[in-house]
PDB file of all heavy atoms in Angstrom:
ATOM      1  N   THR A   1      -1.247 131.991 178.459  1.00  0.00           N
ATOM      2  CA  THR A   1      -2.371 131.003 178.225  1.00  0.00           C
ATOM      3  C   THR A   1      -1.754 129.827 177.533  1.00  0.00           C
ATOM      4  O   THR A   1      -0.807 129.951 176.672  1.00  0.00           O
ATOM      5  CB  THR A   1      -3.420 131.608 177.409  1.00  0.00           C
ATOM      6  OG1 THR A   1      -2.970 132.010 176.103  1.00  0.00           O
ATOM      7  CG2 THR A   1      -4.073 132.832 178.094  1.00  0.00           C
ATOM      8  N   THR A   2      -2.232 128.690 177.800  1.00  0.00           N
ATOM      9  CA  THR A   2      -1.656 127.448 177.283  1.00  0.00           C
ATOM     10  C   THR A   2      -1.647 127.416 175.748  1.00  0.00           C
ATOM     11  O   THR A   2      -0.658 127.061 175.172  1.00  0.00           O
ATOM     12  CB  THR A   2      -2.487 126.226 177.784  1.00  0.00           C
ATOM     13  OG1 THR A   2      -2.517 126.282 179.205  1.00  0.00           O
ATOM     14  CG2 THR A   2      -1.847 124.962 177.372  1.00  0.00           C
ATOM     15  N   ASP A   3      -2.709 127.870 175.103  1.00  0.00           N
ATOM     16  CA  ASP A   3      -2.738 127.780 173.662  1.00  0.00           C
ATOM     17  C   ASP A   3      -1.705 128.636 173.047  1.00  0.00           C
ATOM     18  O   ASP A   3      -0.985 128.253 172.117  1.00  0.00           O
ATOM     19  CB  ASP A   3      -4.139 128.206 173.123  1.00  0.00           C
ATOM     20  CG  ASP A   3      -5.216 127.213 173.563  1.00  0.00           C
ATOM     21  OD1 ASP A   3      -4.863 126.107 173.760  1.00  0.00           O
ATOM     22  OD2 ASP A   3      -6.358 127.681 173.411  1.00  0.00           O
ATOM     23  N   THR A   4      -1.536 129.891 173.515  1.00  0.00           N
ATOM     24  CA  THR A   4      -0.523 130.813 172.948  1.00  0.00           C
ATOM     25  C   THR A   4       0.857 130.324 173.228  1.00  0.00           C
ATOM     26  O   THR A   4       1.640 130.312 172.319  1.00  0.00           O
ATOM     27  CB  THR A   4      -0.757 132.151 173.615  1.00  0.00           C
ATOM     28  OG1 THR A   4      -2.076 132.686 173.350  1.00  0.00           O
ATOM     29  CG2 THR A   4       0.219 133.192 172.982  1.00  0.00           C
ATOM     30  N   SER A   5       1.136 129.959 174.419  1.00  0.00           N
ATOM     31  CA  SER A   5       2.491 129.531 174.787  1.00  0.00           C
ATOM     32  C   SER A   5       2.869 128.259 174.016  1.00  0.00           C
ATOM     33  O   SER A   5       4.008 128.078 173.604  1.00  0.00           O
ATOM     34  CB  SER A   5       2.708 129.329 176.327  1.00  0.00           C
ATOM     35  OG  SER A   5       1.844 128.430 176.800  1.00  0.00           O
ATOM     36  N   ASP A   6       1.915 127.368 173.828  1.00  0.00           N
ATOM     37  CA  ASP A   6       2.216 126.067 173.096  1.00  0.00           C
ATOM     38  C   ASP A   6       2.429 126.436 171.653  1.00  0.00           C
ATOM     39  O   ASP A   6       3.381 125.812 171.076  1.00  0.00           O
ATOM     40  CB  ASP A   6       1.008 125.130 173.204  1.00  0.00           C
ATOM     41  CG  ASP A   6       0.878 124.418 174.587  1.00  0.00           C
ATOM     42  OD1 ASP A   6       1.901 124.464 175.335  1.00  0.00           O
ATOM     43  OD2 ASP A   6      -0.110 123.801 174.852  1.00  0.00           O
ATOM     44  N   ALA A   7       1.782 127.271 171.083  1.00  0.00           N
ATOM     45  CA  ALA A   7       1.962 127.656 169.674  1.00  0.00           C
ATOM     46  C   ALA A   7       3.361 128.355 169.497  1.00  0.00           C
ATOM     47  O   ALA A   7       4.029 128.060 168.591  1.00  0.00           O
ATOM     48  CB  ALA A   7       0.882 128.609 169.199  1.00  0.00           C
ATOM     49  N   VAL A   8       3.733 129.248 170.407  1.00  0.00           N
ATOM     50  CA  VAL A   8       5.051 129.935 170.325  1.00  0.00           C
ATOM     51  C   VAL A   8       6.117 128.833 170.556  1.00  0.00           C
ATOM     52  O   VAL A   8       7.100 128.873 169.773  1.00  0.00           O
ATOM     53  CB  VAL A   8       5.151 130.965 171.439  1.00  0.00           C
ATOM     54  CG1 VAL A   8       6.507 131.527 171.508  1.00  0.00           C
ATOM     55  CG2 VAL A   8       4.115 132.124 171.071  1.00  0.00           C
ATOM     56  N   LEU A   9       5.939 127.946 171.539  1.00  0.00           N
ATOM     57  CA  LEU A   9       6.898 126.943 171.789  1.00  0.00           C
ATOM     58  C   LEU A   9       7.178 126.050 170.551  1.00  0.00           C
ATOM     59  O   LEU A   9       8.286 125.857 170.135  1.00  0.00           O
ATOM     60  CB  LEU A   9       6.518 126.072 172.917  1.00  0.00           C
ATOM     61  CG  LEU A   9       7.408 124.837 173.329  1.00  0.00           C
ATOM     62  CD1 LEU A   9       8.695 125.384 173.932  1.00  0.00           C
ATOM     63  CD2 LEU A   9       6.696 123.917 174.273  1.00  0.00           C
ATOM     64  N   GLU A  10       6.096 125.654 169.863  1.00  0.00           N
ATOM     65  CA  GLU A  10       6.227 124.809 168.696  1.00  0.00           C
ATOM     66  C   GLU A  10       6.805 125.578 167.501  1.00  0.00           C
ATOM     67  O   GLU A  10       7.636 124.977 166.756  1.00  0.00           O
ATOM     68  CB  GLU A  10       4.829 124.270 168.288  1.00  0.00           C
ATOM     69  CG  GLU A  10       4.451 123.142 169.218  1.00  0.00           C
ATOM     70  CD  GLU A  10       5.521 122.004 169.390  1.00  0.00           C
ATOM     71  OE1 GLU A  10       6.035 121.458 168.380  1.00  0.00           O
ATOM     72  OE2 GLU A  10       5.811 121.669 170.492  1.00  0.00           O
ATOM     73  N   HIS A  11       6.442 126.796 167.364  1.00  0.00           N
ATOM     74  CA  HIS A  11       7.059 127.670 166.279  1.00  0.00           C
ATOM     75  C   HIS A  11       8.539 127.812 166.417  1.00  0.00           C
ATOM     76  O   HIS A  11       9.272 127.616 165.439  1.00  0.00           O
ATOM     77  CB  HIS A  11       6.321 129.019 166.297  1.00  0.00           C
ATOM     78  CG  HIS A  11       6.924 129.981 165.241  1.00  0.00           C
ATOM     79  ND1 HIS A  11       6.652 129.793 163.880  1.00  0.00           N
ATOM     80  CD2 HIS A  11       7.686 131.079 165.385  1.00  0.00           C
ATOM     81  CE1 HIS A  11       7.297 130.729 163.217  1.00  0.00           C
ATOM     82  NE2 HIS A  11       7.885 131.528 164.054  1.00  0.00           N
ATOM     83  N   ILE A  12       8.948 128.114 167.650  1.00  0.00           N
ATOM     84  CA  ILE A  12      10.396 128.245 167.902  1.00  0.00           C
ATOM     85  C   ILE A  12      11.125 126.902 167.764  1.00  0.00           C
ATOM     86  O   ILE A  12      12.234 126.829 167.202  1.00  0.00           O
ATOM     87  CB  ILE A  12      10.682 128.891 169.219  1.00  0.00           C
ATOM     88  CG1 ILE A  12      10.173 130.362 169.197  1.00  0.00           C
ATOM     89  CG2 ILE A  12      12.152 128.981 169.587  1.00  0.00           C
ATOM     90  CD1 ILE A  12      10.122 131.061 170.552  1.00  0.00           C
ATOM     91  N   ARG A  13      10.561 125.865 168.305  1.00  0.00           N
ATOM     92  CA  ARG A  13      11.118 124.556 168.260  1.00  0.00           C
ATOM     93  C   ARG A  13      11.331 124.134 166.741  1.00  0.00           C
ATOM     94  O   ARG A  13      12.420 123.695 166.340  1.00  0.00           O
ATOM     95  CB  ARG A  13      10.277 123.479 168.874  1.00  0.00           C
ATOM     96  CG  ARG A  13      10.776 122.098 168.833  1.00  0.00           C
ATOM     97  CD  ARG A  13       9.800 120.993 169.195  1.00  0.00           C
ATOM     98  NE  ARG A  13       8.822 121.340 170.229  1.00  0.00           N
ATOM     99  CZ  ARG A  13       9.074 121.198 171.569  1.00  0.00           C
ATOM    100  NH1 ARG A  13      10.259 120.765 171.973  1.00  0.00           N
ATOM    101  NH2 ARG A  13       8.100 121.496 172.433  1.00  0.00           N
ATOM    102  N   LEU A  14      10.287 124.340 165.884  1.00  0.00           N
ATOM    103  CA  LEU A  14      10.440 123.959 164.506  1.00  0.00           C
ATOM    104  C   LEU A  14      11.490 124.806 163.750  1.00  0.00           C
ATOM    105  O   LEU A  14      12.158 124.335 162.890  1.00  0.00           O
ATOM    106  CB  LEU A  14       9.103 124.130 163.813  1.00  0.00           C
ATOM    107  CG  LEU A  14       8.053 123.023 164.250  1.00  0.00           C
ATOM    108  CD1 LEU A  14       6.654 123.350 163.603  1.00  0.00           C
ATOM    109  CD2 LEU A  14       8.587 121.722 163.896  1.00  0.00           C
ATOM    110  N   ALA A  15      11.636 126.032 164.203  1.00  0.00           N
ATOM    111  CA  ALA A  15      12.671 126.980 163.571  1.00  0.00           C
ATOM    112  C   ALA A  15      14.029 126.395 163.944  1.00  0.00           C
ATOM    113  O   ALA A  15      14.955 126.377 163.090  1.00  0.00           O
ATOM    114  CB  ALA A  15      12.454 128.387 164.024  1.00  0.00           C
ATOM    115  N   MET A  16      14.238 125.986 165.164  1.00  0.00           N
ATOM    116  CA  MET A  16      15.498 125.506 165.647  1.00  0.00           C
ATOM    117  C   MET A  16      15.804 124.163 164.988  1.00  0.00           C
ATOM    118  O   MET A  16      16.988 123.913 164.500  1.00  0.00           O
ATOM    119  CB  MET A  16      15.560 125.368 167.125  1.00  0.00           C
ATOM    120  CG  MET A  16      15.501 126.709 167.859  1.00  0.00           C
ATOM    121  SD  MET A  16      15.354 126.650 169.626  1.00  0.00           S
ATOM    122  CE  MET A  16      17.144 126.431 170.111  1.00  0.00           C
ATOM    123  N   LEU A  17      14.835 123.249 164.832  1.00  0.00           N
ATOM    124  CA  LEU A  17      15.027 122.020 164.229  1.00  0.00           C
ATOM    125  C   LEU A  17      15.264 122.166 162.711  1.00  0.00           C
ATOM    126  O   LEU A  17      16.151 121.456 162.169  1.00  0.00           O
ATOM    127  CB  LEU A  17      13.799 121.090 164.478  1.00  0.00           C
ATOM    128  CG  LEU A  17      13.626 120.652 165.934  1.00  0.00           C
ATOM    129  CD1 LEU A  17      12.352 119.847 166.048  1.00  0.00           C
ATOM    130  CD2 LEU A  17      14.823 119.850 166.424  1.00  0.00           C
ATOM    131  N   SER A  18      14.680 123.082 162.088  1.00  0.00           N
ATOM    132  CA  SER A  18      14.854 123.370 160.690  1.00  0.00           C
ATOM    133  C   SER A  18      16.299 123.900 160.478  1.00  0.00           C
ATOM    134  O   SER A  18      16.924 123.549 159.496  1.00  0.00           O
ATOM    135  CB  SER A  18      13.880 124.431 160.266  1.00  0.00           C
ATOM    136  OG  SER A  18      14.122 124.739 158.936  1.00  0.00           O
ATOM    137  N   ALA A  19      16.781 124.749 161.406  1.00  0.00           N
ATOM    138  CA  ALA A  19      18.139 125.248 161.293  1.00  0.00           C
ATOM    139  C   ALA A  19      19.091 124.107 161.372  1.00  0.00           C
ATOM    140  O   ALA A  19      20.168 124.124 160.567  1.00  0.00           O
ATOM    141  CB  ALA A  19      18.414 126.281 162.443  1.00  0.00           C
ATOM    142  N   ILE A  20      18.858 123.068 162.185  1.00  0.00           N
ATOM    143  CA  ILE A  20      19.770 121.893 162.205  1.00  0.00           C
ATOM    144  C   ILE A  20      19.728 121.201 160.883  1.00  0.00           C
ATOM    145  O   ILE A  20      20.792 120.836 160.346  1.00  0.00           O
ATOM    146  CB  ILE A  20      19.357 120.985 163.376  1.00  0.00           C
ATOM    147  CG1 ILE A  20      19.613 121.598 164.739  1.00  0.00           C
ATOM    148  CG2 ILE A  20      20.124 119.633 163.245  1.00  0.00           C
ATOM    149  CD1 ILE A  20      19.030 120.851 165.879  1.00  0.00           C
ATOM    150  N   GLU A  21      18.602 120.972 160.343  1.00  0.00           N
ATOM    151  CA  GLU A  21      18.413 120.199 159.088  1.00  0.00           C
ATOM    152  C   GLU A  21      19.100 121.006 157.892  1.00  0.00           C
ATOM    153  O   GLU A  21      19.699 120.320 157.067  1.00  0.00           O
ATOM    154  CB  GLU A  21      16.984 119.973 158.757  1.00  0.00           C
ATOM    155  CG  GLU A  21      16.304 118.993 159.763  1.00  0.00           C
ATOM    156  CD  GLU A  21      14.832 118.877 159.590  1.00  0.00           C
ATOM    157  OE1 GLU A  21      14.353 119.412 158.593  1.00  0.00           O
ATOM    158  OE2 GLU A  21      14.159 118.199 160.421  1.00  0.00           O
ATOM    159  N   VAL A  22      18.962 122.292 157.881  1.00  0.00           N
ATOM    160  CA  VAL A  22      19.537 123.098 156.771  1.00  0.00           C
ATOM    161  C   VAL A  22      20.931 123.290 156.888  1.00  0.00           C
ATOM    162  O   VAL A  22      21.735 123.213 155.914  1.00  0.00           O
ATOM    163  CB  VAL A  22      18.758 124.492 156.732  1.00  0.00           C
ATOM    164  CG1 VAL A  22      19.460 125.368 155.713  1.00  0.00           C
ATOM    165  CG2 VAL A  22      17.291 124.244 156.349  1.00  0.00           C
ATOM    166  N   HIS A  23      21.482 123.581 158.122  1.00  0.00           N
ATOM    167  CA  HIS A  23      22.862 124.020 158.238  1.00  0.00           C
ATOM    168  C   HIS A  23      23.857 123.016 158.793  1.00  0.00           C
ATOM    169  O   HIS A  23      25.076 123.254 158.806  1.00  0.00           O
ATOM    170  CB  HIS A  23      22.873 125.289 159.141  1.00  0.00           C
ATOM    171  CG  HIS A  23      22.183 126.418 158.558  1.00  0.00           C
ATOM    172  ND1 HIS A  23      22.586 127.083 157.474  1.00  0.00           N
ATOM    173  CD2 HIS A  23      20.940 127.020 158.887  1.00  0.00           C
ATOM    174  CE1 HIS A  23      21.709 128.148 157.157  1.00  0.00           C
ATOM    175  NE2 HIS A  23      20.676 127.999 158.068  1.00  0.00           N
ATOM    176  N   CYS A  24      23.375 121.889 159.255  1.00  0.00           N
ATOM    177  CA  CYS A  24      24.292 120.870 159.736  1.00  0.00           C
ATOM    178  C   CYS A  24      24.393 119.730 158.809  1.00  0.00           C
ATOM    179  O   CYS A  24      23.418 119.292 158.174  1.00  0.00           O
ATOM    180  CB  CYS A  24      23.785 120.395 161.132  1.00  0.00           C
ATOM    181  SG  CYS A  24      23.855 121.649 162.408  1.00  0.00           S
ATOM    182  N   ASP A  25      25.606 119.217 158.656  1.00  0.00           N
ATOM    183  CA  ASP A  25      25.890 118.077 157.704  1.00  0.00           C
ATOM    184  C   ASP A  25      25.136 116.876 158.121  1.00  0.00           C
ATOM    185  O   ASP A  25      24.675 116.121 157.363  1.00  0.00           O
ATOM    186  CB  ASP A  25      27.334 117.878 157.580  1.00  0.00           C
ATOM    187  CG  ASP A  25      28.116 119.050 156.972  1.00  0.00           C
ATOM    188  OD1 ASP A  25      27.455 119.728 156.116  1.00  0.00           O
ATOM    189  OD2 ASP A  25      29.263 119.258 157.339  1.00  0.00           O
ATOM    190  N   THR A  26      25.167 116.611 159.394  1.00  0.00           N
ATOM    191  CA  THR A  26      24.404 115.441 159.893  1.00  0.00           C
ATOM    192  C   THR A  26      23.481 115.937 160.980  1.00  0.00           C
ATOM    193  O   THR A  26      23.703 116.933 161.560  1.00  0.00           O
ATOM    194  CB  THR A  26      25.341 114.347 160.456  1.00  0.00           C
ATOM    195  OG1 THR A  26      26.110 114.979 161.553  1.00  0.00           O
ATOM    196  CG2 THR A  26      26.326 113.837 159.407  1.00  0.00           C
ATOM    197  N   GLN A  27      22.467 115.130 161.288  1.00  0.00           N
ATOM    198  CA  GLN A  27      21.549 115.500 162.371  1.00  0.00           C
ATOM    199  C   GLN A  27      22.260 115.239 163.667  1.00  0.00           C
ATOM    200  O   GLN A  27      22.388 114.070 164.114  1.00  0.00           O
ATOM    201  CB  GLN A  27      20.312 114.715 162.240  1.00  0.00           C
ATOM    202  CG  GLN A  27      19.149 115.265 163.057  1.00  0.00           C
ATOM    203  CD  GLN A  27      17.902 114.445 162.864  1.00  0.00           C
ATOM    204  OE1 GLN A  27      17.862 113.249 162.845  1.00  0.00           O
ATOM    205  NE2 GLN A  27      16.803 115.161 162.742  1.00  0.00           N
ATOM    206  N   ASP A  28      22.634 116.275 164.333  1.00  0.00           N
ATOM    207  CA  ASP A  28      23.414 116.197 165.561  1.00  0.00           C
ATOM    208  C   ASP A  28      22.438 115.876 166.679  1.00  0.00           C
ATOM    209  O   ASP A  28      21.670 116.675 167.162  1.00  0.00           O
ATOM    210  CB  ASP A  28      24.126 117.507 165.857  1.00  0.00           C
ATOM    211  CG  ASP A  28      25.064 117.456 166.994  1.00  0.00           C
ATOM    212  OD1 ASP A  28      25.093 116.438 167.802  1.00  0.00           O
ATOM    213  OD2 ASP A  28      25.878 118.357 167.157  1.00  0.00           O
ATOM    214  N   ILE A  29      22.404 114.547 167.090  1.00  0.00           N
ATOM    215  CA  ILE A  29      21.489 114.075 168.055  1.00  0.00           C
ATOM    216  C   ILE A  29      21.675 114.788 169.424  1.00  0.00           C
ATOM    217  O   ILE A  29      20.703 115.085 170.160  1.00  0.00           O
ATOM    218  CB  ILE A  29      21.718 112.527 168.318  1.00  0.00           C
ATOM    219  CG1 ILE A  29      21.071 111.797 167.046  1.00  0.00           C
ATOM    220  CG2 ILE A  29      21.041 112.054 169.521  1.00  0.00           C
ATOM    221  CD1 ILE A  29      19.608 112.084 166.822  1.00  0.00           C
ATOM    222  N   ALA A  30      22.883 115.106 169.831  1.00  0.00           N
ATOM    223  CA  ALA A  30      23.146 115.821 171.041  1.00  0.00           C
ATOM    224  C   ALA A  30      22.438 117.184 171.081  1.00  0.00           C
ATOM    225  O   ALA A  30      22.109 117.665 172.166  1.00  0.00           O
ATOM    226  CB  ALA A  30      24.649 116.015 171.263  1.00  0.00           C
ATOM    227  N   VAL A  31      22.202 117.740 169.985  1.00  0.00           N
ATOM    228  CA  VAL A  31      21.487 119.044 169.843  1.00  0.00           C
ATOM    229  C   VAL A  31      20.001 118.839 169.573  1.00  0.00           C
ATOM    230  O   VAL A  31      19.097 119.449 170.135  1.00  0.00           O
ATOM    231  CB  VAL A  31      22.166 119.998 168.807  1.00  0.00           C
ATOM    232  CG1 VAL A  31      21.361 121.320 168.721  1.00  0.00           C
ATOM    233  CG2 VAL A  31      23.608 120.277 169.275  1.00  0.00           C
ATOM    234  N   TYR A  32      19.739 117.940 168.589  1.00  0.00           N
ATOM    235  CA  TYR A  32      18.454 117.720 168.072  1.00  0.00           C
ATOM    236  C   TYR A  32      17.448 117.258 169.176  1.00  0.00           C
ATOM    237  O   TYR A  32      16.383 117.732 169.327  1.00  0.00           O
ATOM    238  CB  TYR A  32      18.447 116.698 166.974  1.00  0.00           C
ATOM    239  CG  TYR A  32      17.113 116.485 166.321  1.00  0.00           C
ATOM    240  CD1 TYR A  32      16.719 117.271 165.215  1.00  0.00           C
ATOM    241  CD2 TYR A  32      16.284 115.439 166.727  1.00  0.00           C
ATOM    242  CE1 TYR A  32      15.543 117.083 164.596  1.00  0.00           C
ATOM    243  CE2 TYR A  32      15.112 115.193 166.083  1.00  0.00           C
ATOM    244  CZ  TYR A  32      14.690 116.022 165.087  1.00  0.00           C
ATOM    245  OH  TYR A  32      13.499 115.845 164.442  1.00  0.00           O
ATOM    246  N   LYS A  33      17.838 116.221 169.966  1.00  0.00           N
ATOM    247  CA  LYS A  33      16.883 115.615 170.926  1.00  0.00           C
ATOM    248  C   LYS A  33      16.506 116.560 172.043  1.00  0.00           C
ATOM    249  O   LYS A  33      15.263 116.698 172.297  1.00  0.00           O
ATOM    250  CB  LYS A  33      17.533 114.397 171.507  1.00  0.00           C
ATOM    251  CG  LYS A  33      17.392 113.160 170.606  1.00  0.00           C
ATOM    252  CD  LYS A  33      17.985 111.854 171.301  1.00  0.00           C
ATOM    253  CE  LYS A  33      17.055 111.327 172.204  1.00  0.00           C
ATOM    254  NZ  LYS A  33      17.531 110.032 172.774  1.00  0.00           N
ATOM    255  N   PRO A  34      17.399 117.356 172.672  1.00  0.00           N
ATOM    256  CA  PRO A  34      16.969 118.284 173.652  1.00  0.00           C
ATOM    257  C   PRO A  34      15.975 119.358 173.143  1.00  0.00           C
ATOM    258  O   PRO A  34      15.074 119.777 173.890  1.00  0.00           O
ATOM    259  CB  PRO A  34      18.174 118.894 174.286  1.00  0.00           C
ATOM    260  CG  PRO A  34      19.340 117.951 173.841  1.00  0.00           C
ATOM    261  CD  PRO A  34      18.869 117.276 172.614  1.00  0.00           C
ATOM    262  N   ILE A  35      16.256 119.796 171.884  1.00  0.00           N
ATOM    263  CA  ILE A  35      15.288 120.776 171.294  1.00  0.00           C
ATOM    264  C   ILE A  35      13.968 120.133 171.060  1.00  0.00           C
ATOM    265  O   ILE A  35      12.998 120.630 171.325  1.00  0.00           O
ATOM    266  CB  ILE A  35      15.975 121.391 169.992  1.00  0.00           C
ATOM    267  CG1 ILE A  35      17.206 122.258 170.327  1.00  0.00           C
ATOM    268  CG2 ILE A  35      14.924 122.170 169.264  1.00  0.00           C
ATOM    269  CD1 ILE A  35      17.974 122.671 169.123  1.00  0.00           C
ATOM    270  N   ARG A  36      13.988 118.951 170.483  1.00  0.00           N
ATOM    271  CA  ARG A  36      12.748 118.294 170.114  1.00  0.00           C
ATOM    272  C   ARG A  36      11.896 118.039 171.266  1.00  0.00           C
ATOM    273  O   ARG A  36      10.640 118.057 171.250  1.00  0.00           O
ATOM    274  CB  ARG A  36      13.141 116.924 169.424  1.00  0.00           C
ATOM    275  CG  ARG A  36      11.952 116.029 169.120  1.00  0.00           C
ATOM    276  CD  ARG A  36      11.108 116.658 167.983  1.00  0.00           C
ATOM    277  NE  ARG A  36       9.959 115.845 167.753  1.00  0.00           N
ATOM    278  CZ  ARG A  36       8.755 116.095 168.155  1.00  0.00           C
ATOM    279  NH1 ARG A  36       8.530 117.113 168.876  1.00  0.00           N
ATOM    280  NH2 ARG A  36       7.733 115.332 167.874  1.00  0.00           N
ATOM    281  N   TYR A  37      12.449 117.688 172.442  1.00  0.00           N
ATOM    282  CA  TYR A  37      11.685 117.297 173.640  1.00  0.00           C
ATOM    283  C   TYR A  37      11.682 118.382 174.699  1.00  0.00           C
ATOM    284  O   TYR A  37      11.264 118.158 175.833  1.00  0.00           O
ATOM    285  CB  TYR A  37      12.190 115.953 174.177  1.00  0.00           C
ATOM    286  CG  TYR A  37      12.042 114.836 173.213  1.00  0.00           C
ATOM    287  CD1 TYR A  37      13.127 114.310 172.560  1.00  0.00           C
ATOM    288  CD2 TYR A  37      10.784 114.421 172.914  1.00  0.00           C
ATOM    289  CE1 TYR A  37      12.978 113.306 171.572  1.00  0.00           C
ATOM    290  CE2 TYR A  37      10.579 113.434 171.937  1.00  0.00           C
ATOM    291  CZ  TYR A  37      11.691 112.850 171.271  1.00  0.00           C
ATOM    292  OH  TYR A  37      11.518 111.908 170.363  1.00  0.00           O
ATOM    293  N   ALA A  38      12.037 119.603 174.413  1.00  0.00           N
ATOM    294  CA  ALA A  38      12.082 120.745 175.353  1.00  0.00           C
ATOM    295  C   ALA A  38      10.627 120.995 175.818  1.00  0.00           C
ATOM    296  O   ALA A  38       9.715 120.981 174.941  1.00  0.00           O
ATOM    297  CB  ALA A  38      12.592 122.022 174.771  1.00  0.00           C
ATOM    298  N   ARG A  39      10.387 121.190 177.086  1.00  0.00           N
ATOM    299  CA  ARG A  39       9.097 121.360 177.647  1.00  0.00           C
ATOM    300  C   ARG A  39       8.594 122.875 177.694  1.00  0.00           C
ATOM    301  O   ARG A  39       7.512 123.119 177.812  1.00  0.00           O
ATOM    302  CB  ARG A  39       9.026 120.783 179.031  1.00  0.00           C
ATOM    303  CG  ARG A  39       9.115 119.316 179.029  1.00  0.00           C
ATOM    304  CD  ARG A  39       8.990 118.792 180.399  1.00  0.00           C
ATOM    305  NE  ARG A  39       8.992 117.303 180.376  1.00  0.00           N
ATOM    306  CZ  ARG A  39       8.426 116.544 181.255  1.00  0.00           C
ATOM    307  NH1 ARG A  39       7.856 117.011 182.257  1.00  0.00           N
ATOM    308  NH2 ARG A  39       8.544 115.232 181.177  1.00  0.00           N
ATOM    309  N   ASP A  40       9.589 123.759 177.670  1.00  0.00           N
ATOM    310  CA  ASP A  40       9.141 125.166 177.685  1.00  0.00           C
ATOM    311  C   ASP A  40      10.179 126.091 176.989  1.00  0.00           C
ATOM    312  O   ASP A  40      11.207 125.609 176.453  1.00  0.00           O
ATOM    313  CB  ASP A  40       9.029 125.556 179.160  1.00  0.00           C
ATOM    314  CG  ASP A  40      10.306 125.372 180.018  1.00  0.00           C
ATOM    315  OD1 ASP A  40      11.411 125.369 179.433  1.00  0.00           O
ATOM    316  OD2 ASP A  40      10.172 125.251 181.207  1.00  0.00           O
ATOM    317  N   LEU A  41       9.850 127.290 176.890  1.00  0.00           N
ATOM    318  CA  LEU A  41      10.650 128.304 176.173  1.00  0.00           C
ATOM    319  C   LEU A  41      12.013 128.446 176.795  1.00  0.00           C
ATOM    320  O   LEU A  41      13.042 128.608 176.091  1.00  0.00           O
ATOM    321  CB  LEU A  41       9.873 129.627 176.061  1.00  0.00           C
ATOM    322  CG  LEU A  41       8.751 129.724 175.090  1.00  0.00           C
ATOM    323  CD1 LEU A  41       8.168 131.113 175.217  1.00  0.00           C
ATOM    324  CD2 LEU A  41       9.252 129.459 173.664  1.00  0.00           C
TER     325      LEU A  41
END
């Protein structure tokens, strides 16, 4: 269902973006942008 899959997608996306912010010295755009704009799981 759209609501469930959208919530899961956003939860995982935020976890991945958070990992970049916490563990990478600089915000690696080559990794950050594709994660930020991914359309599905």
